[in-house]
Amino acid sequence: MSWGPTASASRPAPITWGWCRGIWGGDSAGALEWKELEEFLLARAMEHDSPSLMFRLACEHLISAQVIRPGPVALIERVATARAAAERQTYQRVAHLLTGHRGR
């Protein structure tokens, strides 16, 4: 079984970034890919998708764009940022409907 580009029977070679790129294709996320992902996540957050669904959709989005996925923490932070932006945007859209008086 080969673990990397120079694996031997006694010790597998470390998996390197270049080896991953060669096997799976794609590249790491650049500024354009992050921007596209942020817009994608904001649209999902505006639809009130759950955080776990948004995380899974973000992974699928990056796979379809042939971008090597960043770590889970980076994606979780992007999901949280998108959800906060969606909350602000929702409030801005309905703020004119809110009044100082609550009818009961």
N, C-alpha and C. Protein backbone atom coordinates (compact mmCIF):
# COMPACT_ATOMS: atom_id res chain seq x y z
N MET A 1 0.85 -1.18 0.00
CA MET A 1 0.00 0.00 0.00
C MET A 1 0.89 1.24 0.00
N SER A 2 0.61 2.16 -0.85
CA SER A 2 1.40 3.37 -0.97
C SER A 2 0.70 4.52 -0.26
N TRP A 3 1.41 5.18 0.65
CA TRP A 3 0.83 6.30 1.40
C TRP A 3 1.26 7.64 0.83
N GLY A 4 2.19 7.68 0.01
CA GLY A 4 2.68 8.94 -0.50
C GLY A 4 3.62 8.70 -1.65
N PRO A 5 4.29 9.73 -2.12
CA PRO A 5 5.12 9.62 -3.31
C PRO A 5 6.36 8.76 -3.12
N THR A 6 6.89 8.61 -1.90
CA THR A 6 8.10 7.81 -1.70
C THR A 6 7.91 6.82 -0.57
N ALA A 7 6.78 6.14 -0.54
CA ALA A 7 6.50 5.20 0.54
C ALA A 7 7.39 3.97 0.43
N SER A 8 7.73 3.42 1.57
CA SER A 8 8.45 2.15 1.60
C SER A 8 7.68 1.21 2.52
N ALA A 9 8.06 -0.06 2.51
CA ALA A 9 7.36 -1.04 3.34
C ALA A 9 7.55 -0.75 4.83
N SER A 10 8.68 -0.18 5.20
CA SER A 10 8.95 0.05 6.62
C SER A 10 8.30 1.32 7.15
N ARG A 11 8.19 2.32 6.31
CA ARG A 11 7.66 3.58 6.80
C ARG A 11 6.96 4.32 5.65
N PRO A 12 5.66 4.63 5.82
CA PRO A 12 4.99 5.38 4.75
C PRO A 12 5.50 6.81 4.69
N ALA A 13 5.57 7.33 3.50
CA ALA A 13 6.00 8.71 3.31
C ALA A 13 4.88 9.65 3.74
N PRO A 14 5.22 10.82 4.22
CA PRO A 14 4.18 11.77 4.60
C PRO A 14 3.40 12.22 3.36
N ILE A 15 2.16 12.47 3.58
CA ILE A 15 1.33 12.97 2.48
C ILE A 15 1.56 14.47 2.37
N THR A 16 2.01 14.88 1.21
CA THR A 16 2.35 16.29 1.01
C THR A 16 1.26 17.00 0.23
N TRP A 17 1.29 18.32 0.30
CA TRP A 17 0.31 19.13 -0.40
C TRP A 17 0.37 18.88 -1.90
N GLY A 18 1.56 18.81 -2.45
CA GLY A 18 1.71 18.57 -3.89
C GLY A 18 1.17 17.21 -4.30
N TRP A 19 1.38 16.21 -3.46
CA TRP A 19 0.86 14.87 -3.75
C TRP A 19 -0.66 14.90 -3.77
N CYS A 20 -1.29 15.58 -2.80
CA CYS A 20 -2.75 15.69 -2.77
C CYS A 20 -3.26 16.38 -4.03
N ARG A 21 -2.61 17.45 -4.41
CA ARG A 21 -3.03 18.17 -5.62
C ARG A 21 -2.93 17.27 -6.84
N GLY A 22 -1.87 16.46 -6.91
CA GLY A 22 -1.69 15.57 -8.04
C GLY A 22 -2.74 14.47 -8.10
N ILE A 23 -3.13 13.96 -6.94
CA ILE A 23 -4.11 12.87 -6.89
C ILE A 23 -5.52 13.40 -7.13
N TRP A 24 -5.91 14.42 -6.40
CA TRP A 24 -7.30 14.89 -6.44
C TRP A 24 -7.54 16.04 -7.41
N GLY A 25 -6.50 16.66 -7.88
CA GLY A 25 -6.68 17.83 -8.73
C GLY A 25 -7.09 19.00 -7.86
N GLY A 26 -7.32 20.11 -8.49
CA GLY A 26 -7.76 21.28 -7.73
C GLY A 26 -6.61 21.99 -7.06
N ASP A 27 -6.96 23.00 -6.32
CA ASP A 27 -5.97 23.84 -5.66
C ASP A 27 -6.56 24.34 -4.36
N SER A 28 -5.75 24.99 -3.56
CA SER A 28 -6.25 25.54 -2.31
C SER A 28 -7.15 26.75 -2.60
N ALA A 29 -7.94 27.11 -1.62
CA ALA A 29 -8.89 28.21 -1.80
C ALA A 29 -8.14 29.54 -1.83
N GLY A 30 -8.34 30.28 -2.91
CA GLY A 30 -7.79 31.62 -3.02
C GLY A 30 -8.88 32.64 -2.68
N ALA A 31 -8.59 33.90 -2.88
CA ALA A 31 -9.54 34.97 -2.55
C ALA A 31 -10.86 34.81 -3.30
N LEU A 32 -10.79 34.46 -4.58
CA LEU A 32 -12.01 34.31 -5.38
C LEU A 32 -12.86 33.14 -4.86
N GLU A 33 -12.22 32.03 -4.55
CA GLU A 33 -12.95 30.86 -4.06
C GLU A 33 -13.59 31.13 -2.70
N TRP A 34 -12.87 31.86 -1.83
CA TRP A 34 -13.46 32.21 -0.52
C TRP A 34 -14.66 33.12 -0.71
N LYS A 35 -14.55 34.09 -1.62
CA LYS A 35 -15.66 35.02 -1.87
C LYS A 35 -16.87 34.26 -2.40
N GLU A 36 -16.66 33.36 -3.34
CA GLU A 36 -17.76 32.56 -3.88
C GLU A 36 -18.40 31.70 -2.79
N LEU A 37 -17.57 31.12 -1.93
CA LEU A 37 -18.09 30.30 -0.84
C LEU A 37 -18.90 31.16 0.14
N GLU A 38 -18.41 32.35 0.45
CA GLU A 38 -19.13 33.24 1.36
C GLU A 38 -20.49 33.63 0.79
N GLU A 39 -20.55 33.95 -0.49
CA GLU A 39 -21.83 34.28 -1.13
C GLU A 39 -22.77 33.08 -1.14
N PHE A 40 -22.23 31.91 -1.42
CA PHE A 40 -23.02 30.68 -1.40
C PHE A 40 -23.60 30.43 -0.02
N LEU A 41 -22.75 30.57 1.01
CA LEU A 41 -23.22 30.33 2.38
C LEU A 41 -24.23 31.37 2.83
N LEU A 42 -24.06 32.62 2.43
CA LEU A 42 -25.03 33.65 2.79
C LEU A 42 -26.40 33.32 2.19
N ALA A 43 -26.42 32.87 0.95
CA ALA A 43 -27.68 32.49 0.32
C ALA A 43 -28.33 31.33 1.07
N ARG A 44 -27.53 30.36 1.50
CA ARG A 44 -28.08 29.23 2.26
C ARG A 44 -28.58 29.70 3.62
N ALA A 45 -27.85 30.61 4.26
CA ALA A 45 -28.26 31.11 5.57
C ALA A 45 -29.55 31.92 5.47
N MET A 46 -29.72 32.64 4.36
CA MET A 46 -30.96 33.41 4.18
C MET A 46 -32.16 32.47 4.01
N GLU A 47 -31.90 31.25 3.59
CA GLU A 47 -32.96 30.26 3.47
C GLU A 47 -33.17 29.53 4.80
N HIS A 48 -32.44 29.93 5.83
CA HIS A 48 -32.56 29.38 7.18
C HIS A 48 -32.12 27.92 7.26
N ASP A 49 -31.12 27.55 6.47
CA ASP A 49 -30.58 26.20 6.56
C ASP A 49 -29.84 26.05 7.89
N SER A 50 -29.82 24.85 8.41
CA SER A 50 -29.16 24.58 9.69
C SER A 50 -27.64 24.65 9.52
N PRO A 51 -26.91 24.91 10.60
CA PRO A 51 -25.45 24.99 10.50
C PRO A 51 -24.82 23.69 9.98
N SER A 52 -25.34 22.55 10.41
CA SER A 52 -24.76 21.29 9.95
C SER A 52 -25.00 21.08 8.45
N LEU A 53 -26.17 21.46 7.98
CA LEU A 53 -26.45 21.37 6.55
C LEU A 53 -25.56 22.34 5.78
N MET A 54 -25.40 23.54 6.30
CA MET A 54 -24.55 24.53 5.64
C MET A 54 -23.11 24.04 5.55
N PHE A 55 -22.62 23.39 6.60
CA PHE A 55 -21.26 22.84 6.59
C PHE A 55 -21.13 21.79 5.50
N ARG A 56 -22.09 20.88 5.43
CA ARG A 56 -22.05 19.82 4.41
C ARG A 56 -22.14 20.42 3.00
N LEU A 57 -23.02 21.41 2.82
CA LEU A 57 -23.14 22.06 1.52
C LEU A 57 -21.87 22.81 1.14
N ALA A 58 -21.20 23.41 2.13
CA ALA A 58 -19.93 24.09 1.85
C ALA A 58 -18.89 23.10 1.35
N CYS A 59 -18.83 21.93 1.98
CA CYS A 59 -17.89 20.89 1.53
C CYS A 59 -18.21 20.48 0.10
N GLU A 60 -19.48 20.25 -0.19
CA GLU A 60 -19.88 19.85 -1.54
C GLU A 60 -19.59 20.95 -2.56
N HIS A 61 -19.80 22.20 -2.16
CA HIS A 61 -19.52 23.34 -3.04
C HIS A 61 -18.03 23.37 -3.40
N LEU A 62 -17.17 23.19 -2.40
CA LEU A 62 -15.73 23.21 -2.66
C LEU A 62 -15.29 22.03 -3.51
N ILE A 63 -15.89 20.88 -3.29
CA ILE A 63 -15.56 19.71 -4.12
C ILE A 63 -15.94 19.97 -5.57
N SER A 64 -17.15 20.50 -5.78
CA SER A 64 -17.59 20.76 -7.16
C SER A 64 -16.74 21.82 -7.85
N ALA A 65 -16.18 22.74 -7.06
CA ALA A 65 -15.30 23.78 -7.62
C ALA A 65 -13.86 23.29 -7.72
N GLN A 66 -13.62 22.02 -7.36
CA GLN A 66 -12.29 21.41 -7.36
C GLN A 66 -11.28 22.21 -6.54
N VAL A 67 -11.75 22.60 -5.35
CA VAL A 67 -10.89 23.31 -4.41
C VAL A 67 -10.60 22.35 -3.27
N ILE A 68 -9.33 22.21 -2.92
CA ILE A 68 -8.97 21.37 -1.79
C ILE A 68 -9.52 22.03 -0.54
N ARG A 69 -10.33 21.28 0.18
CA ARG A 69 -11.04 21.85 1.32
C ARG A 69 -10.09 22.27 2.43
N PRO A 70 -10.38 23.43 3.00
CA PRO A 70 -9.62 23.84 4.19
C PRO A 70 -10.08 23.00 5.38
N GLY A 71 -9.48 23.20 6.52
CA GLY A 71 -9.85 22.45 7.72
C GLY A 71 -11.26 22.77 8.18
N PRO A 72 -11.80 21.91 9.03
CA PRO A 72 -13.18 22.10 9.49
C PRO A 72 -13.39 23.39 10.26
N VAL A 73 -12.39 23.83 11.03
CA VAL A 73 -12.56 25.05 11.80
C VAL A 73 -12.75 26.25 10.87
N ALA A 74 -11.99 26.30 9.79
CA ALA A 74 -12.14 27.41 8.84
C ALA A 74 -13.53 27.41 8.23
N LEU A 75 -14.06 26.24 7.91
CA LEU A 75 -15.41 26.17 7.35
C LEU A 75 -16.47 26.52 8.38
N ILE A 76 -16.30 26.06 9.61
CA ILE A 76 -17.25 26.38 10.67
C ILE A 76 -17.29 27.89 10.90
N GLU A 77 -16.13 28.53 10.87
CA GLU A 77 -16.09 29.99 11.04
C GLU A 77 -16.82 30.69 9.90
N ARG A 78 -16.67 30.19 8.67
CA ARG A 78 -17.35 30.79 7.53
C ARG A 78 -18.87 30.61 7.65
N VAL A 79 -19.30 29.43 8.12
CA VAL A 79 -20.73 29.18 8.32
C VAL A 79 -21.28 30.15 9.37
N ALA A 80 -20.57 30.30 10.48
CA ALA A 80 -21.01 31.21 11.55
C ALA A 80 -21.08 32.65 11.05
N THR A 81 -20.10 33.06 10.28
CA THR A 81 -20.09 34.42 9.72
C THR A 81 -21.27 34.62 8.78
N ALA A 82 -21.57 33.65 7.96
CA ALA A 82 -22.69 33.75 7.02
C ALA A 82 -24.02 33.81 7.77
N ARG A 83 -24.16 33.04 8.84
CA ARG A 83 -25.39 33.06 9.62
C ARG A 83 -25.59 34.41 10.30
N ALA A 84 -24.51 35.00 10.82
CA ALA A 84 -24.59 36.32 11.45
C ALA A 84 -24.95 37.38 10.41
N ALA A 85 -24.36 37.29 9.23
CA ALA A 85 -24.67 38.26 8.16
C ALA A 85 -26.12 38.11 7.72
N ALA A 86 -26.62 36.89 7.65
CA ALA A 86 -28.02 36.65 7.27
C ALA A 86 -28.96 37.23 8.31
N GLU A 87 -28.60 37.10 9.58
CA GLU A 87 -29.43 37.67 10.65
C GLU A 87 -29.50 39.19 10.53
N ARG A 88 -28.35 39.83 10.30
CA ARG A 88 -28.32 41.29 10.12
C ARG A 88 -29.13 41.70 8.89
N GLN A 89 -28.95 40.97 7.79
CA GLN A 89 -29.66 41.31 6.56
C GLN A 89 -31.16 41.12 6.72
N THR A 90 -31.57 40.07 7.41
CA THR A 90 -33.01 39.84 7.65
C THR A 90 -33.58 40.98 8.47
N TYR A 91 -32.88 41.40 9.51
CA TYR A 91 -33.37 42.50 10.33
C TYR A 91 -33.49 43.78 9.51
N GLN A 92 -32.50 44.05 8.67
CA GLN A 92 -32.55 45.26 7.84
C GLN A 92 -33.75 45.24 6.90
N ARG A 93 -34.10 44.06 6.41
CA ARG A 93 -35.22 43.94 5.47
C ARG A 93 -36.58 44.12 6.15
N VAL A 94 -36.67 43.76 7.42
CA VAL A 94 -37.98 43.84 8.09
C VAL A 94 -38.05 44.95 9.13
N ALA A 95 -36.99 45.71 9.32
CA ALA A 95 -36.96 46.74 10.35
C ALA A 95 -38.07 47.77 10.16
N HIS A 96 -38.40 48.09 8.92
CA HIS A 96 -39.46 49.07 8.68
C HIS A 96 -40.84 48.56 9.08
N LEU A 97 -40.97 47.26 9.23
CA LEU A 97 -42.25 46.67 9.64
C LEU A 97 -42.41 46.67 11.16
N LEU A 98 -41.32 46.82 11.85
CA LEU A 98 -41.36 46.79 13.31
C LEU A 98 -41.74 48.18 13.84
N THR A 99 -42.55 48.19 14.86
CA THR A 99 -42.93 49.46 15.48
C THR A 99 -42.55 49.41 16.96
N GLY A 100 -42.67 50.53 17.60
CA GLY A 100 -42.37 50.61 19.04
C GLY A 100 -43.45 49.97 19.88
N HIS A 101 -44.64 49.75 19.32
CA HIS A 101 -45.74 49.17 20.06
C HIS A 101 -45.98 47.73 19.63
N ARG A 102 -46.21 46.91 20.59
CA ARG A 102 -46.55 45.51 20.29
C ARG A 102 -48.03 45.32 20.55
N GLY A 103 -48.73 44.87 19.56
CA GLY A 103 -50.16 44.60 19.73
C GLY A 103 -50.36 43.26 20.42
N ARG A 104 -51.27 43.24 21.41
CA ARG A 104 -51.55 41.98 22.10
C ARG A 104 -53.00 41.70 22.06
